[in-house]
Amino acid sequence: MAEPSPPVRSPEPVRLPDGREVRGRPLLPDSWRPLAAGRCELLATRCPRCAALTFPAAQICPRCWNRDALTAEAVPGPGTVYAISTVRTSEPGIEAPYRIGYADFAGGLRICGRFTGPEVDVNEAVDVVVAVLREEPEAPLLGWAFRKAAFPEPAIPEAALPKTGA
C-alpha cells in the first residue's frame, strides 16, 4: 500500500486544537496524520481493482480481497454528523461524559469517532481534529475527533451520503 506521507509516530509532538503540544501513542497510525492548528486528515485505502474506499486503512480490500497496489488517499471533508450519543460512564483514562458517534464523508465512508468542542446535531458539518482519546500511564492515546465545522459549507450533498438499508 502506498502512503502519501509518513504516519504519526511518537515521540514527535502533535498539536491539539487548543494549541497544546503532546507526545503520545497514535491509534491506527496509518489511518490519520496531523495537520496545522490541531486539525488532522483521515487516510483511507483505495482498491485499484474494484475502486472500494475503506477506512481505516487496510492491507486487503474487504470488497474483492485484492492485495495488490492498494493506495492511501485523504478523506475529503467536512463530514456530516450521522448519529451522536453521550456516554455517561467513565472508563480508565476517559472522563465521562463524552460524546461518540458517526460522521459521513464523501466516498461513502461512515466513520466512528469522538466529538469534541461545541454541541453538534445530526446533519451538521464537522471537521476532523487531533484529540487525546485516553490518558494512559506511559503516554496518552492520540487519534481523531469530530468538531463542529468552522466553515460548514459545503456539506456533503445528500446524494453522496451512504445509503441506509431497510
N, C-alpha and C. Protein backbone atom coordinates (compact mmCIF):
# COMPACT_ATOMS: atom_id res chain seq x y z
N MET A 1 0.85 -1.17 0.00
CA MET A 1 0.00 0.00 0.00
C MET A 1 0.89 1.23 0.00
N ALA A 2 0.71 2.10 -0.93
CA ALA A 2 1.47 3.36 -0.98
C ALA A 2 0.88 4.33 0.02
N GLU A 3 1.72 5.15 0.60
CA GLU A 3 1.26 6.09 1.62
C GLU A 3 1.68 7.50 1.23
N PRO A 4 0.76 8.50 1.30
CA PRO A 4 1.09 9.85 0.88
C PRO A 4 2.17 10.51 1.73
N SER A 5 2.23 10.20 3.01
CA SER A 5 3.28 10.75 3.86
C SER A 5 3.41 9.86 5.09
N PRO A 6 4.51 9.98 5.82
CA PRO A 6 4.69 9.12 6.99
C PRO A 6 3.59 9.34 8.03
N PRO A 7 3.16 8.27 8.68
CA PRO A 7 2.12 8.41 9.70
C PRO A 7 2.68 9.03 10.98
N VAL A 8 1.79 9.41 11.87
CA VAL A 8 2.18 9.97 13.16
C VAL A 8 2.93 8.90 13.93
N ARG A 9 4.06 9.25 14.48
CA ARG A 9 4.84 8.33 15.31
C ARG A 9 5.34 9.10 16.52
N SER A 10 5.23 8.49 17.67
CA SER A 10 5.82 9.07 18.86
C SER A 10 7.33 8.97 18.68
N PRO A 11 8.15 9.87 19.14
CA PRO A 11 7.91 10.90 20.12
C PRO A 11 7.69 12.29 19.54
N GLU A 12 7.37 12.42 18.26
CA GLU A 12 7.14 13.75 17.72
C GLU A 12 5.91 14.37 18.38
N PRO A 13 5.98 15.63 18.78
CA PRO A 13 4.81 16.26 19.39
C PRO A 13 3.72 16.52 18.35
N VAL A 14 2.48 16.43 18.80
CA VAL A 14 1.31 16.68 17.97
C VAL A 14 0.56 17.85 18.59
N ARG A 15 0.15 18.81 17.77
CA ARG A 15 -0.56 19.98 18.27
C ARG A 15 -2.06 19.68 18.36
N LEU A 16 -2.63 19.99 19.53
CA LEU A 16 -4.08 19.84 19.74
C LEU A 16 -4.78 21.14 19.32
N PRO A 17 -6.09 21.10 19.11
CA PRO A 17 -6.81 22.32 18.70
C PRO A 17 -6.66 23.49 19.67
N ASP A 18 -6.44 23.19 20.97
CA ASP A 18 -6.28 24.28 21.94
C ASP A 18 -4.86 24.85 21.96
N GLY A 19 -3.97 24.35 21.08
CA GLY A 19 -2.62 24.86 20.97
C GLY A 19 -1.57 24.08 21.74
N ARG A 20 -2.00 23.23 22.67
CA ARG A 20 -1.04 22.42 23.43
C ARG A 20 -0.38 21.40 22.51
N GLU A 21 0.87 21.08 22.80
CA GLU A 21 1.57 20.02 22.08
C GLU A 21 1.72 18.83 23.02
N VAL A 22 1.42 17.64 22.50
CA VAL A 22 1.53 16.41 23.29
C VAL A 22 2.27 15.35 22.48
N ARG A 23 2.94 14.48 23.21
CA ARG A 23 3.54 13.29 22.61
C ARG A 23 2.71 12.12 23.09
N GLY A 24 2.43 11.19 22.20
CA GLY A 24 1.62 10.07 22.62
C GLY A 24 1.70 8.92 21.64
N ARG A 25 0.89 7.91 21.94
CA ARG A 25 0.79 6.71 21.11
C ARG A 25 -0.40 6.87 20.18
N PRO A 26 -0.20 6.83 18.87
CA PRO A 26 -1.30 7.03 17.95
C PRO A 26 -2.17 5.79 17.76
N LEU A 27 -3.46 5.98 17.76
CA LEU A 27 -4.41 4.93 17.41
C LEU A 27 -4.43 4.82 15.90
N LEU A 28 -4.29 3.62 15.36
CA LEU A 28 -4.32 3.38 13.90
C LEU A 28 -3.46 4.40 13.15
N PRO A 29 -2.14 4.40 13.38
CA PRO A 29 -1.28 5.45 12.82
C PRO A 29 -1.27 5.54 11.30
N ASP A 30 -1.63 4.48 10.59
CA ASP A 30 -1.67 4.55 9.12
C ASP A 30 -2.97 5.15 8.61
N SER A 31 -3.88 5.50 9.51
CA SER A 31 -5.21 5.98 9.09
C SER A 31 -5.45 7.46 9.35
N TRP A 32 -4.45 8.18 9.87
CA TRP A 32 -4.60 9.63 10.06
C TRP A 32 -3.23 10.27 10.20
N ARG A 33 -3.21 11.58 9.98
CA ARG A 33 -1.98 12.35 10.19
C ARG A 33 -2.36 13.76 10.63
N PRO A 34 -1.53 14.35 11.49
CA PRO A 34 -1.84 15.70 11.97
C PRO A 34 -1.58 16.75 10.89
N LEU A 35 -2.35 17.82 10.95
CA LEU A 35 -2.16 18.99 10.10
C LEU A 35 -1.93 20.18 11.02
N ALA A 36 -1.86 21.36 10.46
CA ALA A 36 -1.65 22.58 11.25
C ALA A 36 -2.87 22.88 12.11
N ALA A 37 -2.64 23.63 13.18
CA ALA A 37 -3.68 24.18 14.05
C ALA A 37 -4.57 23.11 14.68
N GLY A 38 -4.01 21.92 14.95
CA GLY A 38 -4.77 20.89 15.64
C GLY A 38 -5.72 20.09 14.78
N ARG A 39 -5.75 20.38 13.50
CA ARG A 39 -6.61 19.60 12.61
C ARG A 39 -5.88 18.31 12.24
N CYS A 40 -6.62 17.36 11.70
CA CYS A 40 -5.96 16.16 11.18
C CYS A 40 -6.69 15.67 9.94
N GLU A 41 -6.01 14.82 9.23
CA GLU A 41 -6.52 14.28 7.99
C GLU A 41 -6.66 12.77 8.14
N LEU A 42 -7.84 12.25 7.80
CA LEU A 42 -8.05 10.81 7.81
C LEU A 42 -7.56 10.23 6.50
N LEU A 43 -6.99 9.03 6.56
CA LEU A 43 -6.47 8.36 5.38
C LEU A 43 -7.23 7.05 5.16
N ALA A 44 -7.76 6.88 3.97
CA ALA A 44 -8.49 5.67 3.60
C ALA A 44 -7.67 4.91 2.56
N THR A 45 -8.08 3.69 2.28
CA THR A 45 -7.42 2.86 1.28
C THR A 45 -8.33 2.72 0.06
N ARG A 46 -7.76 2.93 -1.12
CA ARG A 46 -8.50 2.77 -2.38
C ARG A 46 -7.99 1.51 -3.09
N CYS A 47 -8.93 0.67 -3.51
CA CYS A 47 -8.58 -0.55 -4.26
C CYS A 47 -8.60 -0.24 -5.76
N PRO A 48 -7.51 -0.54 -6.48
CA PRO A 48 -7.49 -0.26 -7.91
C PRO A 48 -8.37 -1.22 -8.72
N ARG A 49 -8.67 -2.37 -8.16
CA ARG A 49 -9.48 -3.36 -8.88
C ARG A 49 -10.97 -3.02 -8.84
N CYS A 50 -11.51 -2.75 -7.65
CA CYS A 50 -12.97 -2.52 -7.54
C CYS A 50 -13.32 -1.09 -7.14
N ALA A 51 -12.32 -0.25 -6.88
CA ALA A 51 -12.47 1.16 -6.51
C ALA A 51 -13.07 1.37 -5.12
N ALA A 52 -13.14 0.33 -4.30
CA ALA A 52 -13.67 0.48 -2.95
C ALA A 52 -12.77 1.40 -2.13
N LEU A 53 -13.40 2.25 -1.34
CA LEU A 53 -12.70 3.12 -0.41
C LEU A 53 -12.97 2.59 0.99
N THR A 54 -11.89 2.32 1.75
CA THR A 54 -12.02 1.67 3.05
C THR A 54 -11.36 2.49 4.14
N PHE A 55 -12.06 2.64 5.27
CA PHE A 55 -11.48 3.26 6.46
C PHE A 55 -11.82 2.37 7.64
N PRO A 56 -10.82 2.10 8.51
CA PRO A 56 -9.43 2.55 8.48
C PRO A 56 -8.65 1.88 7.35
N ALA A 57 -7.46 2.42 7.11
CA ALA A 57 -6.60 1.90 6.05
C ALA A 57 -6.43 0.39 6.21
N ALA A 58 -6.42 -0.32 5.09
CA ALA A 58 -6.36 -1.79 5.12
C ALA A 58 -5.26 -2.29 4.19
N GLN A 59 -4.79 -3.49 4.44
CA GLN A 59 -3.80 -4.14 3.58
C GLN A 59 -4.47 -4.99 2.50
N ILE A 60 -5.74 -5.36 2.74
CA ILE A 60 -6.52 -6.17 1.81
C ILE A 60 -7.86 -5.50 1.59
N CYS A 61 -8.33 -5.44 0.36
CA CYS A 61 -9.63 -4.85 0.07
C CYS A 61 -10.73 -5.75 0.65
N PRO A 62 -11.61 -5.20 1.49
CA PRO A 62 -12.67 -6.03 2.07
C PRO A 62 -13.79 -6.37 1.08
N ARG A 63 -13.83 -5.69 -0.06
CA ARG A 63 -14.87 -5.97 -1.05
C ARG A 63 -14.48 -7.10 -2.00
N CYS A 64 -13.25 -7.02 -2.57
CA CYS A 64 -12.85 -8.01 -3.58
C CYS A 64 -11.65 -8.85 -3.17
N TRP A 65 -11.10 -8.62 -1.98
CA TRP A 65 -9.97 -9.35 -1.41
C TRP A 65 -8.66 -9.12 -2.16
N ASN A 66 -8.57 -8.06 -2.94
CA ASN A 66 -7.35 -7.72 -3.64
C ASN A 66 -6.27 -7.31 -2.63
N ARG A 67 -5.04 -7.76 -2.87
CA ARG A 67 -3.89 -7.41 -2.01
C ARG A 67 -2.89 -6.52 -2.74
N ASP A 68 -3.09 -6.30 -4.03
CA ASP A 68 -2.09 -5.63 -4.85
C ASP A 68 -2.40 -4.16 -5.07
N ALA A 69 -1.39 -3.33 -4.89
CA ALA A 69 -1.41 -1.92 -5.26
C ALA A 69 -2.50 -1.08 -4.60
N LEU A 70 -2.90 -1.43 -3.37
CA LEU A 70 -3.84 -0.58 -2.65
C LEU A 70 -3.13 0.75 -2.37
N THR A 71 -3.84 1.84 -2.48
CA THR A 71 -3.23 3.15 -2.26
C THR A 71 -3.97 3.91 -1.17
N ALA A 72 -3.23 4.72 -0.45
CA ALA A 72 -3.82 5.56 0.58
C ALA A 72 -4.24 6.88 -0.05
N GLU A 73 -5.37 7.40 0.40
CA GLU A 73 -5.80 8.73 -0.05
C GLU A 73 -6.49 9.45 1.09
N ALA A 74 -6.39 10.76 1.06
CA ALA A 74 -7.01 11.58 2.09
C ALA A 74 -8.53 11.52 1.96
N VAL A 75 -9.20 11.47 3.09
CA VAL A 75 -10.66 11.52 3.12
C VAL A 75 -11.06 12.99 3.07
N PRO A 76 -11.80 13.40 2.03
CA PRO A 76 -12.17 14.82 1.93
C PRO A 76 -13.20 15.20 3.00
N GLY A 77 -13.09 16.42 3.49
CA GLY A 77 -14.03 16.91 4.49
C GLY A 77 -14.69 18.16 3.98
N PRO A 78 -15.61 18.72 4.71
CA PRO A 78 -16.03 18.26 6.03
C PRO A 78 -16.92 17.04 5.94
N GLY A 79 -17.15 16.41 7.11
CA GLY A 79 -18.09 15.31 7.20
C GLY A 79 -19.44 15.84 7.66
N THR A 80 -20.42 14.95 7.68
CA THR A 80 -21.77 15.30 8.13
C THR A 80 -22.17 14.34 9.24
N VAL A 81 -22.62 14.86 10.38
CA VAL A 81 -22.99 14.02 11.52
C VAL A 81 -24.16 13.11 11.13
N TYR A 82 -23.95 11.81 11.31
CA TYR A 82 -25.00 10.82 11.05
C TYR A 82 -25.72 10.46 12.35
N ALA A 83 -24.97 10.24 13.42
CA ALA A 83 -25.55 9.89 14.71
C ALA A 83 -24.58 10.31 15.80
N ILE A 84 -25.13 10.65 16.96
CA ILE A 84 -24.28 11.06 18.09
C ILE A 84 -24.97 10.64 19.39
N SER A 85 -24.15 10.24 20.37
CA SER A 85 -24.68 9.81 21.66
C SER A 85 -23.73 10.27 22.75
N THR A 86 -24.26 10.47 23.94
CA THR A 86 -23.44 10.86 25.08
C THR A 86 -23.23 9.65 25.98
N VAL A 87 -21.97 9.36 26.29
CA VAL A 87 -21.61 8.28 27.19
C VAL A 87 -21.41 8.89 28.57
N ARG A 88 -22.09 8.34 29.55
CA ARG A 88 -22.04 8.90 30.90
C ARG A 88 -21.28 8.04 31.90
N THR A 89 -20.65 6.98 31.44
CA THR A 89 -19.88 6.09 32.30
C THR A 89 -18.40 6.25 32.00
N SER A 90 -17.62 6.52 33.04
CA SER A 90 -16.17 6.66 32.87
C SER A 90 -15.51 5.32 32.63
N GLU A 91 -14.38 5.37 31.97
CA GLU A 91 -13.50 4.22 31.79
C GLU A 91 -12.12 4.67 32.26
N PRO A 92 -11.22 3.75 32.58
CA PRO A 92 -9.88 4.19 32.96
C PRO A 92 -9.26 5.08 31.88
N GLY A 93 -8.88 6.29 32.27
CA GLY A 93 -8.25 7.22 31.35
C GLY A 93 -9.21 8.03 30.50
N ILE A 94 -10.53 7.80 30.65
CA ILE A 94 -11.53 8.53 29.87
C ILE A 94 -12.58 9.08 30.84
N GLU A 95 -12.63 10.40 30.94
CA GLU A 95 -13.61 11.02 31.83
C GLU A 95 -14.96 11.12 31.14
N ALA A 96 -16.00 10.85 31.89
CA ALA A 96 -17.36 10.99 31.37
C ALA A 96 -17.92 12.30 31.88
N PRO A 97 -18.90 12.87 31.23
CA PRO A 97 -19.49 12.38 29.98
C PRO A 97 -18.64 12.77 28.78
N TYR A 98 -18.79 11.99 27.72
CA TYR A 98 -18.17 12.32 26.43
C TYR A 98 -19.13 11.89 25.33
N ARG A 99 -18.91 12.46 24.15
CA ARG A 99 -19.82 12.18 23.03
C ARG A 99 -19.10 11.32 21.99
N ILE A 100 -19.84 10.38 21.43
CA ILE A 100 -19.31 9.50 20.40
C ILE A 100 -20.39 9.29 19.35
N GLY A 101 -19.97 9.00 18.13
CA GLY A 101 -20.96 8.77 17.08
C GLY A 101 -20.31 8.54 15.74
N TYR A 102 -21.10 8.79 14.70
CA TYR A 102 -20.65 8.57 13.32
C TYR A 102 -20.79 9.84 12.51
N ALA A 103 -19.86 10.02 11.58
CA ALA A 103 -19.95 11.11 10.61
C ALA A 103 -19.77 10.50 9.22
N ASP A 104 -20.54 10.99 8.26
CA ASP A 104 -20.44 10.55 6.88
C ASP A 104 -19.50 11.45 6.10
N PHE A 105 -18.70 10.84 5.24
CA PHE A 105 -17.74 11.57 4.40
C PHE A 105 -17.93 11.16 2.96
N ALA A 106 -17.47 12.02 2.06
CA ALA A 106 -17.55 11.72 0.63
C ALA A 106 -16.88 10.38 0.36
N GLY A 107 -17.34 9.70 -0.65
CA GLY A 107 -16.80 8.39 -0.98
C GLY A 107 -17.56 7.27 -0.31
N GLY A 108 -18.65 7.61 0.38
CA GLY A 108 -19.46 6.58 1.03
C GLY A 108 -18.92 6.09 2.35
N LEU A 109 -18.04 6.86 2.98
CA LEU A 109 -17.47 6.43 4.26
C LEU A 109 -18.30 6.93 5.43
N ARG A 110 -18.60 6.07 6.37
CA ARG A 110 -19.23 6.42 7.63
C ARG A 110 -18.22 6.05 8.71
N ILE A 111 -17.70 7.06 9.41
CA ILE A 111 -16.58 6.87 10.33
C ILE A 111 -17.00 7.15 11.76
N CYS A 112 -16.61 6.25 12.65
CA CYS A 112 -16.89 6.39 14.08
C CYS A 112 -15.82 7.26 14.73
N GLY A 113 -16.22 8.06 15.70
CA GLY A 113 -15.24 8.87 16.41
C GLY A 113 -15.85 9.61 17.58
N ARG A 114 -14.99 10.20 18.38
CA ARG A 114 -15.40 11.07 19.48
C ARG A 114 -15.78 12.42 18.90
N PHE A 115 -16.62 13.15 19.63
CA PHE A 115 -16.97 14.52 19.27
C PHE A 115 -16.43 15.43 20.36
N THR A 116 -15.88 16.56 19.95
CA THR A 116 -15.29 17.50 20.89
C THR A 116 -15.74 18.90 20.55
N GLY A 117 -15.59 19.82 21.48
CA GLY A 117 -15.94 21.21 21.20
C GLY A 117 -17.43 21.47 21.34
N PRO A 118 -17.93 22.48 20.62
CA PRO A 118 -19.34 22.86 20.74
C PRO A 118 -20.28 21.72 20.37
N GLU A 119 -21.48 21.78 20.91
CA GLU A 119 -22.51 20.78 20.59
C GLU A 119 -22.77 20.76 19.10
N VAL A 120 -22.99 19.57 18.57
CA VAL A 120 -23.38 19.42 17.17
C VAL A 120 -24.62 18.54 17.11
N ASP A 121 -25.36 18.68 16.04
CA ASP A 121 -26.56 17.89 15.82
C ASP A 121 -26.42 17.06 14.56
N VAL A 122 -27.28 16.08 14.41
CA VAL A 122 -27.33 15.27 13.21
C VAL A 122 -27.50 16.20 12.00
N ASN A 123 -26.81 15.87 10.92
CA ASN A 123 -26.79 16.61 9.65
C ASN A 123 -25.94 17.88 9.66
N GLU A 124 -25.27 18.19 10.76
CA GLU A 124 -24.36 19.34 10.78
C GLU A 124 -22.98 18.92 10.29
N ALA A 125 -22.26 19.89 9.73
CA ALA A 125 -20.92 19.63 9.20
C ALA A 125 -19.89 19.59 10.34
N VAL A 126 -18.93 18.67 10.20
CA VAL A 126 -17.86 18.54 11.19
C VAL A 126 -16.50 18.45 10.50
N ASP A 127 -15.49 19.02 11.16
CA ASP A 127 -14.10 18.89 10.76
C ASP A 127 -13.48 17.77 11.59
N VAL A 128 -12.29 17.33 11.19
CA VAL A 128 -11.57 16.30 11.92
C VAL A 128 -10.38 16.96 12.61
N VAL A 129 -10.23 16.71 13.91
CA VAL A 129 -9.16 17.31 14.70
C VAL A 129 -8.41 16.22 15.48
N VAL A 130 -7.20 16.56 15.91
CA VAL A 130 -6.41 15.67 16.75
C VAL A 130 -6.98 15.72 18.16
N ALA A 131 -7.03 14.56 18.83
CA ALA A 131 -7.57 14.52 20.19
C ALA A 131 -6.82 13.49 21.03
N VAL A 132 -6.78 13.75 22.33
CA VAL A 132 -6.33 12.73 23.28
C VAL A 132 -7.56 11.88 23.56
N LEU A 133 -7.51 10.62 23.16
CA LEU A 133 -8.66 9.73 23.33
C LEU A 133 -8.69 9.06 24.69
N ARG A 134 -7.50 8.80 25.24
CA ARG A 134 -7.42 8.15 26.54
C ARG A 134 -6.09 8.53 27.18
N GLU A 135 -6.15 8.90 28.45
CA GLU A 135 -4.92 9.13 29.22
C GLU A 135 -4.42 7.78 29.69
N GLU A 136 -3.15 7.48 29.39
CA GLU A 136 -2.56 6.21 29.79
C GLU A 136 -1.26 6.51 30.53
N PRO A 137 -0.83 5.61 31.43
CA PRO A 137 0.37 5.87 32.24
C PRO A 137 1.62 6.14 31.40
N GLU A 138 1.83 5.37 30.33
CA GLU A 138 3.06 5.54 29.55
C GLU A 138 3.00 6.72 28.60
N ALA A 139 1.85 6.99 28.01
CA ALA A 139 1.66 8.11 27.09
C ALA A 139 0.19 8.15 26.68
N PRO A 140 -0.36 9.32 26.42
CA PRO A 140 -1.77 9.38 26.02
C PRO A 140 -1.99 8.70 24.67
N LEU A 141 -3.18 8.15 24.49
CA LEU A 141 -3.59 7.57 23.21
C LEU A 141 -4.15 8.70 22.37
N LEU A 142 -3.54 8.94 21.20
CA LEU A 142 -3.94 10.04 20.32
C LEU A 142 -4.72 9.50 19.14
N GLY A 143 -5.64 10.29 18.63
CA GLY A 143 -6.41 9.90 17.47
C GLY A 143 -7.17 11.09 16.93
N TRP A 144 -8.26 10.81 16.24
CA TRP A 144 -9.07 11.85 15.65
C TRP A 144 -10.36 12.03 16.44
N ALA A 145 -10.93 13.21 16.30
CA ALA A 145 -12.25 13.50 16.86
C ALA A 145 -12.94 14.43 15.87
N PHE A 146 -14.24 14.53 16.00
CA PHE A 146 -15.01 15.42 15.14
C PHE A 146 -15.39 16.67 15.93
N ARG A 147 -15.34 17.82 15.27
CA ARG A 147 -15.68 19.10 15.88
C ARG A 147 -16.51 19.88 14.89
N LYS A 148 -17.47 20.63 15.41
CA LYS A 148 -18.33 21.46 14.55
C LYS A 148 -17.46 22.22 13.57
N ALA A 149 -17.83 22.16 12.29
CA ALA A 149 -17.02 22.77 11.24
C ALA A 149 -16.95 24.28 11.40
N ALA A 150 -15.75 24.81 11.24
CA ALA A 150 -15.56 26.26 11.31
C ALA A 150 -16.26 26.94 10.14
N PHE A 151 -16.21 26.31 8.99
CA PHE A 151 -16.85 26.82 7.78
C PHE A 151 -17.70 25.68 7.23
N PRO A 152 -18.95 25.56 7.71
CA PRO A 152 -19.75 24.37 7.42
C PRO A 152 -20.16 24.17 5.98
N GLU A 153 -20.01 25.13 5.13
CA GLU A 153 -20.39 24.91 3.73
C GLU A 153 -19.16 24.58 2.91
N PRO A 154 -19.17 23.71 1.95
CA PRO A 154 -20.33 22.91 1.60
C PRO A 154 -20.34 21.61 2.39
N ALA A 155 -21.48 21.21 2.88
CA ALA A 155 -21.64 19.90 3.50
C ALA A 155 -21.77 18.89 2.36
N ILE A 156 -21.70 17.63 2.67
CA ILE A 156 -21.80 16.60 1.65
C ILE A 156 -23.21 16.61 1.07
N PRO A 157 -23.34 16.65 -0.26
CA PRO A 157 -24.68 16.57 -0.85
C PRO A 157 -25.35 15.27 -0.46
N GLU A 158 -26.65 15.31 -0.25
CA GLU A 158 -27.39 14.13 0.21
C GLU A 158 -27.15 12.94 -0.70
N ALA A 159 -27.03 13.15 -2.01
CA ALA A 159 -26.82 12.05 -2.96
C ALA A 159 -25.50 11.34 -2.74
N ALA A 160 -24.51 12.00 -2.12
CA ALA A 160 -23.19 11.41 -1.92
C ALA A 160 -23.07 10.66 -0.59
N LEU A 161 -24.09 10.76 0.29
CA LEU A 161 -24.03 10.11 1.58
C LEU A 161 -24.29 8.62 1.43
N PRO A 162 -23.76 7.79 2.36
CA PRO A 162 -24.01 6.35 2.30
C PRO A 162 -25.50 6.09 2.42
N LYS A 163 -25.96 5.06 1.74
CA LYS A 163 -27.37 4.67 1.79
C LYS A 163 -27.59 3.82 3.03
N THR A 164 -28.70 4.06 3.73
CA THR A 164 -29.04 3.23 4.88
C THR A 164 -29.96 2.12 4.39
N GLY A 165 -29.72 0.94 4.87
CA GLY A 165 -30.51 -0.22 4.43
C GLY A 165 -31.82 -0.33 5.18
N ALA A 166 -32.80 -0.92 4.53
CA ALA A 166 -34.08 -1.21 5.18
C ALA A 166 -34.81 -2.23 4.38
